Amino acid sequence: MRDTQLVSAKELEAAIQLKARTALRMAQAGLIPHYKLGARLGAVRFSLPEVLDALRRLASREIEPFP
């Protein structure tokens, strides 16, 4: 990850019109990259450029699941 701002699922929803719940499910399935913050809190954050790239690759079927 470069010096990019991490956003919540709700902020991601507002930015690219991908439902927050869908983003979380896609992250859990390994389809889009995400970052877990805090073991107990379970907070998940996304890098907008990384998500957009993953969605483009997913649309063109060039994606492998992220760890």
C-alpha atoms as a PDB file:
ATOM      1  CA  MET A   1       0.000   0.000   0.000  1.00  0.00           C
ATOM      2  CA  ARG A   2       1.340   3.392  -0.920  1.00  0.00           C
ATOM      3  CA  ASP A   3       0.481   6.609   0.908  1.00  0.00           C
ATOM      4  CA  THR A   4      -3.234   6.279   0.262  1.00  0.00           C
ATOM      5  CA  GLN A   5      -6.027   7.030   2.650  1.00  0.00           C
ATOM      6  CA  LEU A   6      -7.996   4.099   3.969  1.00  0.00           C
ATOM      7  CA  VAL A   7     -11.773   4.418   3.944  1.00  0.00           C
ATOM      8  CA  SER A   8     -14.574   2.568   5.696  1.00  0.00           C
ATOM      9  CA  ALA A   9     -17.159   0.479   3.876  1.00  0.00           C
ATOM     10  CA  LYS A  10     -19.663   3.341   4.205  1.00  0.00           C
ATOM     11  CA  GLU A  11     -17.193   5.819   2.721  1.00  0.00           C
ATOM     12  CA  LEU A  12     -16.451   3.363  -0.075  1.00  0.00           C
ATOM     13  CA  GLU A  13     -20.183   3.109  -0.735  1.00  0.00           C
ATOM     14  CA  ALA A  14     -20.440   6.878  -1.096  1.00  0.00           C
ATOM     15  CA  ALA A  15     -17.392   7.092  -3.346  1.00  0.00           C
ATOM     16  CA  ILE A  16     -18.113   4.311  -5.835  1.00  0.00           C
ATOM     17  CA  GLN A  17     -21.710   3.334  -5.153  1.00  0.00           C
ATOM     18  CA  LEU A  18     -20.848  -0.195  -4.053  1.00  0.00           C
ATOM     19  CA  LYS A  19     -23.064  -1.134  -1.115  1.00  0.00           C
ATOM     20  CA  ALA A  20     -21.132  -1.324   2.154  1.00  0.00           C
ATOM     21  CA  ARG A  21     -22.448  -4.801   2.892  1.00  0.00           C
ATOM     22  CA  THR A  22     -21.425  -5.998  -0.578  1.00  0.00           C
ATOM     23  CA  ALA A  23     -17.926  -4.554  -0.102  1.00  0.00           C
ATOM     24  CA  LEU A  24     -17.563  -6.376   3.213  1.00  0.00           C
ATOM     25  CA  ARG A  25     -18.764  -9.640   1.694  1.00  0.00           C
ATOM     26  CA  MET A  26     -16.402  -9.254  -1.257  1.00  0.00           C
ATOM     27  CA  ALA A  27     -13.533  -8.544   1.141  1.00  0.00           C
ATOM     28  CA  GLN A  28     -14.383 -11.600   3.215  1.00  0.00           C
ATOM     29  CA  ALA A  29     -14.471 -13.726   0.042  1.00  0.00           C
ATOM     30  CA  GLY A  30     -11.055 -12.379  -0.978  1.00  0.00           C
ATOM     31  CA  LEU A  31     -12.313 -10.581  -4.073  1.00  0.00           C
ATOM     32  CA  ILE A  32     -11.203  -7.081  -3.076  1.00  0.00           C
ATOM     33  CA  PRO A  33      -8.221  -6.038  -0.948  1.00  0.00           C
ATOM     34  CA  HIS A  34      -8.877  -4.810   2.559  1.00  0.00           C
ATOM     35  CA  TYR A  35      -7.113  -4.054   5.819  1.00  0.00           C
ATOM     36  CA  LYS A  36      -8.223  -5.266   9.230  1.00  0.00           C
ATOM     37  CA  LEU A  37      -7.635  -2.826  12.058  1.00  0.00           C
ATOM     38  CA  GLY A  38      -7.586  -4.133  15.590  1.00  0.00           C
ATOM     39  CA  ALA A  39      -8.105  -7.768  16.417  1.00  0.00           C
ATOM     40  CA  ARG A  40     -11.006  -7.146  18.796  1.00  0.00           C
ATOM     41  CA  LEU A  41     -12.699  -4.284  16.991  1.00  0.00           C
ATOM     42  CA  GLY A  42     -12.945  -6.037  13.663  1.00  0.00           C
ATOM     43  CA  ALA A  43     -12.709  -2.755  11.781  1.00  0.00           C
ATOM     44  CA  VAL A  44     -12.167  -3.139   8.043  1.00  0.00           C
ATOM     45  CA  ARG A  45     -10.782  -0.404   5.814  1.00  0.00           C
ATOM     46  CA  PHE A  46     -10.263  -0.166   2.078  1.00  0.00           C
ATOM     47  CA  SER A  47      -7.854   1.658  -0.214  1.00  0.00           C
ATOM     48  CA  LEU A  48      -9.994   3.226  -2.937  1.00  0.00           C
ATOM     49  CA  PRO A  49      -7.412   2.869  -5.757  1.00  0.00           C
ATOM     50  CA  GLU A  50      -6.772  -0.771  -4.843  1.00  0.00           C
ATOM     51  CA  VAL A  51     -10.496  -1.576  -4.766  1.00  0.00           C
ATOM     52  CA  LEU A  52     -11.103   0.121  -8.112  1.00  0.00           C
ATOM     53  CA  ASP A  53      -8.234  -1.833  -9.670  1.00  0.00           C
ATOM     54  CA  ALA A  54      -9.542  -5.100  -8.220  1.00  0.00           C
ATOM     55  CA  LEU A  55     -13.056  -4.400  -9.506  1.00  0.00           C
ATOM     56  CA  ARG A  56     -11.677  -3.669 -12.991  1.00  0.00           C
ATOM     57  CA  ARG A  57      -9.725  -6.927 -12.970  1.00  0.00           C
ATOM     58  CA  LEU A  58     -12.718  -8.800 -11.620  1.00  0.00           C
ATOM     59  CA  ALA A  59     -14.881  -7.398 -14.424  1.00  0.00           C
ATOM     60  CA  SER A  60     -12.337  -8.570 -16.986  1.00  0.00           C
ATOM     61  CA  ARG A  61     -11.898 -11.903 -15.143  1.00  0.00           C
ATOM     62  CA  GLU A  62      -8.203 -11.368 -14.478  1.00  0.00           C
ATOM     63  CA  ILE A  63      -8.401 -11.601 -10.710  1.00  0.00           C
ATOM     64  CA  GLU A  64      -7.208 -14.113  -8.184  1.00  0.00           C
ATOM     65  CA  PRO A  65      -8.540 -13.936  -4.628  1.00  0.00           C
ATOM     66  CA  PHE A  66      -6.550 -11.766  -2.226  1.00  0.00           C
ATOM     67  CA  PRO A  67      -5.198 -13.368   0.957  1.00  0.00           C
END
